C-alpha atoms as a PDB file:
ATOM      1  CA  UNK A   1      10.707  17.121 -21.132  1.00  0.00           C
ATOM      2  CA  UNK A   2      12.602  14.350 -19.319  1.00  0.00           C
ATOM      3  CA  UNK A   3      10.413  11.312 -18.667  1.00  0.00           C
ATOM      4  CA  UNK A   4      10.738   9.398 -15.394  1.00  0.00           C
ATOM      5  CA  UNK A   5      10.613   5.922 -16.931  1.00  0.00           C
ATOM      6  CA  UNK A   6      10.788   4.346 -13.448  1.00  0.00           C
ATOM      7  CA  UNK A   7       7.363   5.829 -12.633  1.00  0.00           C
ATOM      8  CA  UNK A   8       5.915   4.136 -15.730  1.00  0.00           C
ATOM      9  CA  UNK A   9       7.560   0.786 -14.964  1.00  0.00           C
ATOM     10  CA  UNK A  10       6.464   0.954 -11.315  1.00  0.00           C
ATOM     11  CA  UNK A  11       2.811   1.702 -12.168  1.00  0.00           C
ATOM     12  CA  UNK A  12       2.691  -0.980 -14.890  1.00  0.00           C
ATOM     13  CA  UNK A  13       3.972  -3.579 -12.413  1.00  0.00           C
ATOM     14  CA  UNK A  14       1.572  -2.333  -9.707  1.00  0.00           C
ATOM     15  CA  UNK A  15      -1.320  -2.841 -12.135  1.00  0.00           C
ATOM     16  CA  UNK A  16      -0.076  -6.364 -12.900  1.00  0.00           C
ATOM     17  CA  UNK A  17       0.454  -5.611 -16.590  1.00  0.00           C
ATOM     18  CA  UNK A  18       3.176  -6.902 -18.890  1.00  0.00           C
ATOM     19  CA  UNK A  19       4.553  -4.765 -21.697  1.00  0.00           C
ATOM     20  CA  UNK A  20       2.560  -6.951 -24.082  1.00  0.00           C
ATOM     21  CA  UNK A  21      -0.773  -6.482 -22.251  1.00  0.00           C
ATOM     22  CA  UNK A  22      -0.144  -2.733 -21.995  1.00  0.00           C
ATOM     23  CA  UNK A  23       0.535  -2.673 -25.737  1.00  0.00           C
ATOM     24  CA  UNK A  24      -2.782  -4.427 -26.419  1.00  0.00           C
ATOM     25  CA  UNK A  25      -4.669  -1.976 -24.193  1.00  0.00           C
ATOM     26  CA  UNK A  26      -3.063   1.168 -25.655  1.00  0.00           C
ATOM     27  CA  UNK A  27      -2.384   0.001 -29.223  1.00  0.00           C
ATOM     28  CA  UNK A  28       1.154   1.226 -28.722  1.00  0.00           C
ATOM     29  CA  UNK A  29       3.764  -1.214 -30.097  1.00  0.00           C
ATOM     30  CA  UNK A  30       5.531  -3.323 -27.460  1.00  0.00           C
ATOM     31  CA  UNK A  31       8.851  -2.200 -28.900  1.00  0.00           C
ATOM     32  CA  UNK A  32       7.885   1.444 -28.241  1.00  0.00           C
ATOM     33  CA  UNK A  33       6.911   0.674 -24.645  1.00  0.00           C
ATOM     34  CA  UNK A  34      10.212  -1.163 -24.193  1.00  0.00           C
ATOM     35  CA  UNK A  35      12.158   1.819 -25.552  1.00  0.00           C
ATOM     36  CA  UNK A  36      10.252   4.234 -23.302  1.00  0.00           C
ATOM     37  CA  UNK A  37      10.939   2.105 -20.227  1.00  0.00           C
ATOM     38  CA  UNK A  38      14.645   2.025 -21.147  1.00  0.00           C
ATOM     39  CA  UNK A  39      14.674   5.821 -21.081  1.00  0.00           C
ATOM     40  CA  UNK A  40      14.770   6.307 -24.859  1.00  0.00           C
ATOM     41  CA  UNK A  41      12.779   9.025 -26.622  1.00  0.00           C
ATOM     42  CA  UNK A  42       9.446   8.074 -28.209  1.00  0.00           C
ATOM     43  CA  UNK A  43       6.630  10.101 -29.740  1.00  0.00           C
ATOM     44  CA  UNK A  44       4.678  12.129 -27.190  1.00  0.00           C
ATOM     45  CA  UNK A  45       1.360  10.747 -28.464  1.00  0.00           C
ATOM     46  CA  UNK A  46       2.544   7.306 -27.322  1.00  0.00           C
ATOM     47  CA  UNK A  47       3.476   8.698 -23.914  1.00  0.00           C
ATOM     48  CA  UNK A  48      -0.025  10.194 -23.551  1.00  0.00           C
ATOM     49  CA  UNK A  49      -1.699   6.860 -24.415  1.00  0.00           C
ATOM     50  CA  UNK A  50       0.439   5.012 -21.876  1.00  0.00           C
ATOM     51  CA  UNK A  51      -0.158   7.671 -19.199  1.00  0.00           C
ATOM     52  CA  UNK A  52      -3.911   7.391 -19.715  1.00  0.00           C
ATOM     53  CA  UNK A  53      -3.907   3.592 -19.441  1.00  0.00           C
ATOM     54  CA  UNK A  54      -1.826   3.707 -16.253  1.00  0.00           C
ATOM     55  CA  UNK A  55      -3.712   6.592 -14.614  1.00  0.00           C
ATOM     56  CA  UNK A  56      -0.591   8.760 -14.624  1.00  0.00           C
ATOM     57  CA  UNK A  57      -0.307  12.530 -15.058  1.00  0.00           C
ATOM     58  CA  UNK A  58       2.420  14.742 -16.486  1.00  0.00           C
ATOM     59  CA  UNK A  59       3.372  15.548 -12.907  1.00  0.00           C
ATOM     60  CA  UNK A  60       3.844  11.855 -12.166  1.00  0.00           C
ATOM     61  CA  UNK A  61       6.183  11.120 -15.076  1.00  0.00           C
ATOM     62  CA  UNK A  62       8.195  14.334 -15.298  1.00  0.00           C
ATOM     63  CA  UNK A  63      11.539  14.504 -13.535  1.00  0.00           C
ATOM     64  CA  UNK A  64      11.627  17.941 -11.986  1.00  0.00           C
ATOM     65  CA  UNK A  65      14.763  17.702  -9.875  1.00  0.00           C
ATOM     66  CA  UNK A  66      17.262  14.889 -10.378  1.00  0.00           C
ATOM     67  CA  UNK A  67      17.180  11.246 -11.487  1.00  0.00           C
ATOM     68  CA  UNK A  68      17.484  10.403  -7.767  1.00  0.00           C
ATOM     69  CA  UNK A  69      13.735  11.011  -7.527  1.00  0.00           C
ATOM     70  CA  UNK A  70      13.051   7.454  -8.551  1.00  0.00           C
ATOM     71  CA  UNK A  71      10.306   4.963  -7.833  1.00  0.00           C
ATOM     72  CA  UNK A  72      12.921   2.394  -6.867  1.00  0.00           C
ATOM     73  CA  UNK A  73      12.950   4.035  -3.450  1.00  0.00           C
ATOM     74  CA  UNK A  74       9.227   3.291  -3.104  1.00  0.00           C
ATOM     75  CA  UNK A  75       9.928  -0.402  -3.699  1.00  0.00           C
ATOM     76  CA  UNK A  76      12.700  -0.241  -1.113  1.00  0.00           C
ATOM     77  CA  UNK A  77      10.283   1.095   1.510  1.00  0.00           C
ATOM     78  CA  UNK A  78       7.691  -1.537   0.537  1.00  0.00           C
ATOM     79  CA  UNK A  79      10.304  -4.246   1.039  1.00  0.00           C
ATOM     80  CA  UNK A  80      11.346  -2.823   4.419  1.00  0.00           C
ATOM     81  CA  UNK A  81       7.748  -2.892   5.679  1.00  0.00           C
ATOM     82  CA  UNK A  82       7.166  -6.352   4.276  1.00  0.00           C
ATOM     83  CA  UNK A  83      10.236  -7.671   6.106  1.00  0.00           C
ATOM     84  CA  UNK A  84       9.440  -5.684   9.289  1.00  0.00           C
ATOM     85  CA  UNK A  85      12.904  -4.093   9.092  1.00  0.00           C
ATOM     86  CA  UNK A  86      11.508  -0.767  10.276  1.00  0.00           C
ATOM     87  CA  UNK A  87      14.853   0.376  11.679  1.00  0.00           C
ATOM     88  CA  UNK A  88      15.968   0.925   8.067  1.00  0.00           C
ATOM     89  CA  UNK A  89      13.249   3.476   7.247  1.00  0.00           C
ATOM     90  CA  UNK A  90      15.065   6.570   8.474  1.00  0.00           C
ATOM     91  CA  UNK A  91      18.115   5.761   6.352  1.00  0.00           C
ATOM     92  CA  UNK A  92      15.971   5.459   3.225  1.00  0.00           C
ATOM     93  CA  UNK A  93      14.118   8.710   3.940  1.00  0.00           C
ATOM     94  CA  UNK A  94      17.470  10.471   4.216  1.00  0.00           C
ATOM     95  CA  UNK A  95      18.478   9.361   0.718  1.00  0.00           C
ATOM     96  CA  UNK A  96      16.397  12.211  -0.751  1.00  0.00           C
ATOM     97  CA  UNK A  97      15.925  15.791   0.300  1.00  0.00           C
ATOM     98  CA  UNK A  98      12.497  16.828   1.556  1.00  0.00           C
ATOM     99  CA  UNK A  99      12.114  18.825  -1.682  1.00  0.00           C
ATOM    100  CA  UNK A 100      12.733  15.672  -3.694  1.00  0.00           C
ATOM    101  CA  UNK A 101      10.224  13.719  -1.622  1.00  0.00           C
ATOM    102  CA  UNK A 102       7.706  16.491  -2.323  1.00  0.00           C
ATOM    103  CA  UNK A 103       8.394  16.467  -6.073  1.00  0.00           C
ATOM    104  CA  UNK A 104       5.325  14.315  -6.813  1.00  0.00           C
ATOM    105  CA  UNK A 105       2.295  13.109  -4.918  1.00  0.00           C
ATOM    106  CA  UNK A 106       3.226   9.454  -4.591  1.00  0.00           C
ATOM    107  CA  UNK A 107       6.651  10.186  -3.148  1.00  0.00           C
ATOM    108  CA  UNK A 108       5.115  12.782  -0.841  1.00  0.00           C
ATOM    109  CA  UNK A 109       2.547  10.253   0.408  1.00  0.00           C
ATOM    110  CA  UNK A 110       5.275   7.692   1.036  1.00  0.00           C
ATOM    111  CA  UNK A 111       7.322  10.268   2.930  1.00  0.00           C
ATOM    112  CA  UNK A 112       4.470  11.191   5.303  1.00  0.00           C
ATOM    113  CA  UNK A 113       3.445   7.547   5.716  1.00  0.00           C
ATOM    114  CA  UNK A 114       6.916   6.405   6.737  1.00  0.00           C
ATOM    115  CA  UNK A 115       7.528   9.432   8.944  1.00  0.00           C
ATOM    116  CA  UNK A 116       4.347   8.320  10.740  1.00  0.00           C
ATOM    117  CA  UNK A 117       5.830   4.852  11.249  1.00  0.00           C
ATOM    118  CA  UNK A 118       8.932   6.417  12.800  1.00  0.00           C
ATOM    119  CA  UNK A 119       6.808   8.621  15.083  1.00  0.00           C
ATOM    120  CA  UNK A 120       4.796   5.547  16.144  1.00  0.00           C
ATOM    121  CA  UNK A 121       8.003   3.738  17.118  1.00  0.00           C
ATOM    122  CA  UNK A 122       8.945   6.761  19.233  1.00  0.00           C
ATOM    123  CA  UNK A 123       5.444   6.700  20.791  1.00  0.00           C
ATOM    124  CA  UNK A 124       4.723  10.157  19.347  1.00  0.00           C
ATOM    125  CA  UNK A 125       1.229   9.056  18.384  1.00  0.00           C
ATOM    126  CA  UNK A 126      -0.324  12.460  17.654  1.00  0.00           C
ATOM    127  CA  UNK A 127       2.554  13.349  15.312  1.00  0.00           C
ATOM    128  CA  UNK A 128       2.092   9.986  13.596  1.00  0.00           C
ATOM    129  CA  UNK A 129      -1.644  10.636  13.097  1.00  0.00           C
ATOM    130  CA  UNK A 130      -0.946  14.104  11.662  1.00  0.00           C
ATOM    131  CA  UNK A 131       1.417  12.589   9.090  1.00  0.00           C
ATOM    132  CA  UNK A 132      -1.103   9.913   8.114  1.00  0.00           C
ATOM    133  CA  UNK A 133      -3.907  12.463   7.780  1.00  0.00           C
ATOM    134  CA  UNK A 134      -1.638  14.576   5.574  1.00  0.00           C
ATOM    135  CA  UNK A 135      -0.935  11.563   3.355  1.00  0.00           C
ATOM    136  CA  UNK A 136      -4.645  10.703   3.142  1.00  0.00           C
ATOM    137  CA  UNK A 137      -5.445  14.305   2.150  1.00  0.00           C
ATOM    138  CA  UNK A 138      -2.976  14.058  -0.741  1.00  0.00           C
ATOM    139  CA  UNK A 139      -4.915  11.065  -2.105  1.00  0.00           C
ATOM    140  CA  UNK A 140      -8.372  12.682  -1.943  1.00  0.00           C
ATOM    141  CA  UNK A 141      -8.343  13.957  -5.531  1.00  0.00           C
ATOM    142  CA  UNK A 142      -5.982  11.313  -6.897  1.00  0.00           C
ATOM    143  CA  UNK A 143      -8.061   8.285  -7.843  1.00  0.00           C
ATOM    144  CA  UNK A 144      -5.056   6.459  -9.297  1.00  0.00           C
ATOM    145  CA  UNK A 145      -3.489   6.335  -5.817  1.00  0.00           C
ATOM    146  CA  UNK A 146      -6.651   5.461  -3.891  1.00  0.00           C
ATOM    147  CA  UNK A 147      -5.402   1.903  -3.366  1.00  0.00           C
ATOM    148  CA  UNK A 148      -2.751   3.284  -0.976  1.00  0.00           C
ATOM    149  CA  UNK A 149      -5.547   4.212   1.440  1.00  0.00           C
ATOM    150  CA  UNK A 150      -5.733   0.568   2.521  1.00  0.00           C
ATOM    151  CA  UNK A 151      -2.209   0.729   3.953  1.00  0.00           C
ATOM    152  CA  UNK A 152      -2.679   4.225   5.363  1.00  0.00           C
ATOM    153  CA  UNK A 153      -5.938   3.379   7.144  1.00  0.00           C
ATOM    154  CA  UNK A 154      -4.338   0.208   8.488  1.00  0.00           C
ATOM    155  CA  UNK A 155      -1.364   2.249   9.758  1.00  0.00           C
ATOM    156  CA  UNK A 156      -3.788   4.691  11.394  1.00  0.00           C
ATOM    157  CA  UNK A 157      -5.608   1.828  13.101  1.00  0.00           C
ATOM    158  CA  UNK A 158      -2.282   0.520  14.424  1.00  0.00           C
ATOM    159  CA  UNK A 159      -1.415   3.951  15.874  1.00  0.00           C
ATOM    160  CA  UNK A 160      -4.783   4.136  17.626  1.00  0.00           C
ATOM    161  CA  UNK A 161      -4.352   0.692  19.179  1.00  0.00           C
ATOM    162  CA  UNK A 162      -0.806   1.491  20.313  1.00  0.00           C
ATOM    163  CA  UNK A 163      -2.115   4.625  22.022  1.00  0.00           C
ATOM    164  CA  UNK A 164      -4.735   2.518  23.867  1.00  0.00           C
ATOM    165  CA  UNK A 165      -7.634   3.558  21.638  1.00  0.00           C
ATOM    166  CA  UNK A 166      -9.754   1.473  19.276  1.00  0.00           C
ATOM    167  CA  UNK A 167      -8.502   1.493  15.709  1.00  0.00           C
ATOM    168  CA  UNK A 168     -11.113  -0.926  14.380  1.00  0.00           C
ATOM    169  CA  UNK A 169     -12.916   1.833  12.466  1.00  0.00           C
ATOM    170  CA  UNK A 170      -9.817   2.342  10.328  1.00  0.00           C
ATOM    171  CA  UNK A 171      -9.248  -1.370   9.778  1.00  0.00           C
ATOM    172  CA  UNK A 172     -12.807  -1.573   8.428  1.00  0.00           C
ATOM    173  CA  UNK A 173     -12.174   1.430   6.156  1.00  0.00           C
ATOM    174  CA  UNK A 174      -8.993  -0.259   4.931  1.00  0.00           C
ATOM    175  CA  UNK A 175     -11.031  -3.366   4.161  1.00  0.00           C
ATOM    176  CA  UNK A 176     -13.484  -1.358   2.067  1.00  0.00           C
ATOM    177  CA  UNK A 177     -10.635   0.159   0.038  1.00  0.00           C
ATOM    178  CA  UNK A 178      -9.033  -3.257  -0.378  1.00  0.00           C
ATOM    179  CA  UNK A 179     -12.282  -4.790  -1.660  1.00  0.00           C
ATOM    180  CA  UNK A 180     -12.490  -2.136  -4.381  1.00  0.00           C
ATOM    181  CA  UNK A 181      -8.822  -2.369  -5.399  1.00  0.00           C
ATOM    182  CA  UNK A 182      -7.892  -6.044  -5.036  1.00  0.00           C
ATOM    183  CA  UNK A 183      -6.264  -6.059  -8.477  1.00  0.00           C
ATOM    184  CA  UNK A 184      -3.908  -3.216  -7.484  1.00  0.00           C
ATOM    185  CA  UNK A 185      -2.958  -4.262  -3.947  1.00  0.00           C
ATOM    186  CA  UNK A 186      -0.468  -7.015  -3.065  1.00  0.00           C
ATOM    187  CA  UNK A 187      -2.117 -10.019  -1.445  1.00  0.00           C
ATOM    188  CA  UNK A 188       0.119  -9.737   1.638  1.00  0.00           C
ATOM    189  CA  UNK A 189      -1.463  -6.351   2.387  1.00  0.00           C
ATOM    190  CA  UNK A 190      -4.856  -8.062   2.286  1.00  0.00           C
ATOM    191  CA  UNK A 191      -3.687 -10.805   4.648  1.00  0.00           C
ATOM    192  CA  UNK A 192      -2.257  -8.234   7.100  1.00  0.00           C
ATOM    193  CA  UNK A 193      -5.499  -6.304   6.903  1.00  0.00           C
ATOM    194  CA  UNK A 194      -7.714  -9.308   7.621  1.00  0.00           C
ATOM    195  CA  UNK A 195      -5.422 -10.314  10.495  1.00  0.00           C
ATOM    196  CA  UNK A 196      -5.636  -6.828  12.012  1.00  0.00           C
ATOM    197  CA  UNK A 197      -9.425  -6.802  11.709  1.00  0.00           C
ATOM    198  CA  UNK A 198      -9.563 -10.206  13.418  1.00  0.00           C
ATOM    199  CA  UNK A 199      -7.288  -8.984  16.201  1.00  0.00           C
ATOM    200  CA  UNK A 200      -9.440  -5.873  16.662  1.00  0.00           C
ATOM    201  CA  UNK A 201     -12.615  -7.917  17.019  1.00  0.00           C
ATOM    202  CA  UNK A 202     -10.778 -10.219  19.421  1.00  0.00           C
ATOM    203  CA  UNK A 203     -10.036  -7.232  21.663  1.00  0.00           C
ATOM    204  CA  UNK A 204     -13.738  -6.350  21.793  1.00  0.00           C
ATOM    205  CA  UNK A 205     -14.724 -10.038  22.121  1.00  0.00           C
ATOM    206  CA  UNK A 206     -16.869  -9.903  18.965  1.00  0.00           C
ATOM    207  CA  UNK A 207     -15.849 -13.465  18.198  1.00  0.00           C
ATOM    208  CA  UNK A 208     -18.679 -14.127  15.752  1.00  0.00           C
ATOM    209  CA  UNK A 209     -17.177 -11.584  13.311  1.00  0.00           C
ATOM    210  CA  UNK A 210     -13.712 -13.113  13.339  1.00  0.00           C
ATOM    211  CA  UNK A 211     -14.335 -16.440  11.607  1.00  0.00           C
ATOM    212  CA  UNK A 212     -15.473 -14.874   8.322  1.00  0.00           C
ATOM    213  CA  UNK A 213     -12.275 -12.807   8.131  1.00  0.00           C
ATOM    214  CA  UNK A 214     -10.176 -15.888   8.967  1.00  0.00           C
ATOM    215  CA  UNK A 215     -11.810 -17.681   6.021  1.00  0.00           C
ATOM    216  CA  UNK A 216     -11.069 -14.745   3.691  1.00  0.00           C
ATOM    217  CA  UNK A 217      -7.439 -14.638   4.805  1.00  0.00           C
ATOM    218  CA  UNK A 218      -6.986 -18.393   4.334  1.00  0.00           C
ATOM    219  CA  UNK A 219      -8.590 -18.269   0.880  1.00  0.00           C
ATOM    220  CA  UNK A 220      -6.184 -15.479  -0.076  1.00  0.00           C
ATOM    221  CA  UNK A 221      -3.227 -17.507   1.169  1.00  0.00           C
ATOM    222  CA  UNK A 222      -4.401 -20.624  -0.656  1.00  0.00           C
ATOM    223  CA  UNK A 223      -4.835 -18.671  -3.881  1.00  0.00           C
ATOM    224  CA  UNK A 224      -1.264 -17.372  -3.618  1.00  0.00           C
ATOM    225  CA  UNK A 225       0.188 -20.641  -2.283  1.00  0.00           C
ATOM    226  CA  UNK A 226       1.510 -18.839   0.791  1.00  0.00           C
ATOM    227  CA  UNK A 227       1.624 -19.317   4.565  1.00  0.00           C
ATOM    228  CA  UNK A 228       2.182 -15.617   5.334  1.00  0.00           C
ATOM    229  CA  UNK A 229       0.881 -14.877   8.886  1.00  0.00           C
ATOM    230  CA  UNK A 230      -0.970 -18.219   8.878  1.00  0.00           C
ATOM    231  CA  UNK A 231       0.103 -19.061  12.448  1.00  0.00           C
ATOM    232  CA  UNK A 232      -1.232 -15.715  13.709  1.00  0.00           C
ATOM    233  CA  UNK A 233      -4.500 -16.152  11.801  1.00  0.00           C
ATOM    234  CA  UNK A 234      -5.061 -19.634  13.226  1.00  0.00           C
ATOM    235  CA  UNK A 235      -4.184 -18.431  16.736  1.00  0.00           C
ATOM    236  CA  UNK A 236      -6.833 -15.672  16.628  1.00  0.00           C
ATOM    237  CA  UNK A 237      -9.308 -18.016  14.937  1.00  0.00           C
ATOM    238  CA  UNK A 238      -8.879 -20.533  17.774  1.00  0.00           C
ATOM    239  CA  UNK A 239      -9.437 -17.803  20.382  1.00  0.00           C
ATOM    240  CA  UNK A 240     -12.651 -16.852  18.592  1.00  0.00           C
ATOM    241  CA  UNK A 241     -13.906 -20.451  18.496  1.00  0.00           C
ATOM    242  CA  UNK A 242     -13.109 -20.907  22.186  1.00  0.00           C
ATOM    243  CA  UNK A 243     -14.821 -17.620  22.983  1.00  0.00           C
ATOM    244  CA  UNK A 244     -17.944 -18.664  21.107  1.00  0.00           C
ATOM    245  CA  UNK A 245     -17.943 -22.051  22.871  1.00  0.00           C
ATOM    246  CA  UNK A 246     -17.704 -20.340  26.260  1.00  0.00           C
ATOM    247  CA  UNK A 247     -20.586 -18.035  25.344  1.00  0.00           C
ATOM    248  CA  UNK A 248     -22.746 -21.058  24.482  1.00  0.00           C
ATOM    249  CA  UNK A 249     -21.895 -22.741  27.803  1.00  0.00           C
ATOM    250  CA  UNK A 250     -22.853 -19.636  29.746  1.00  0.00           C
END
């Protein structure tokens, strides 16, 4: 069996674990983990212990097609979204065949998610929603990937708003997932989520609900010594304060 060491490295980093902390949790020597992540052969009992600690399955770590099915492509898509370089998505999706994208659940979820983003850009909103629902269905019985629901629900909310419908329900769902998986989700996702929730409440003029989310977002930024989306947060926060002041005057 050929082990996809990139899947192990990717999940370990996602969980915020060093090789040393993973070794302490699994009682597998750090040197063995290092060898496994370099693609060297190690005892299968060690592989099982590491899989268990990282919530991985045989399907997740087995290369079924070619070494091209690699989690590096997931990081590439994450970087593209983070930098709002969405015009690059199609090129990345074309790097693998559809069969390769469907070779494991995480890749399949990423494929449907980013196809949805492309459909949204083309204003094919129903096609985008179908892709997102397909991705969400893939996660239903995969607890180790539940944290991805935050991004998927947020994407679904964005599609609804772009198609002139309220997406607030999905922003709230994303917030619930984020609250349960803070240790597995990058802080920038949390900031984007809080900003979207604030914007949604601004559209419905529920100004009293905005300030609490602004505080959460600012606390998250302070904790990570970042100014990501700070201008947008403060802009919506100011609109909420002005809206509340006007309500008091009336």
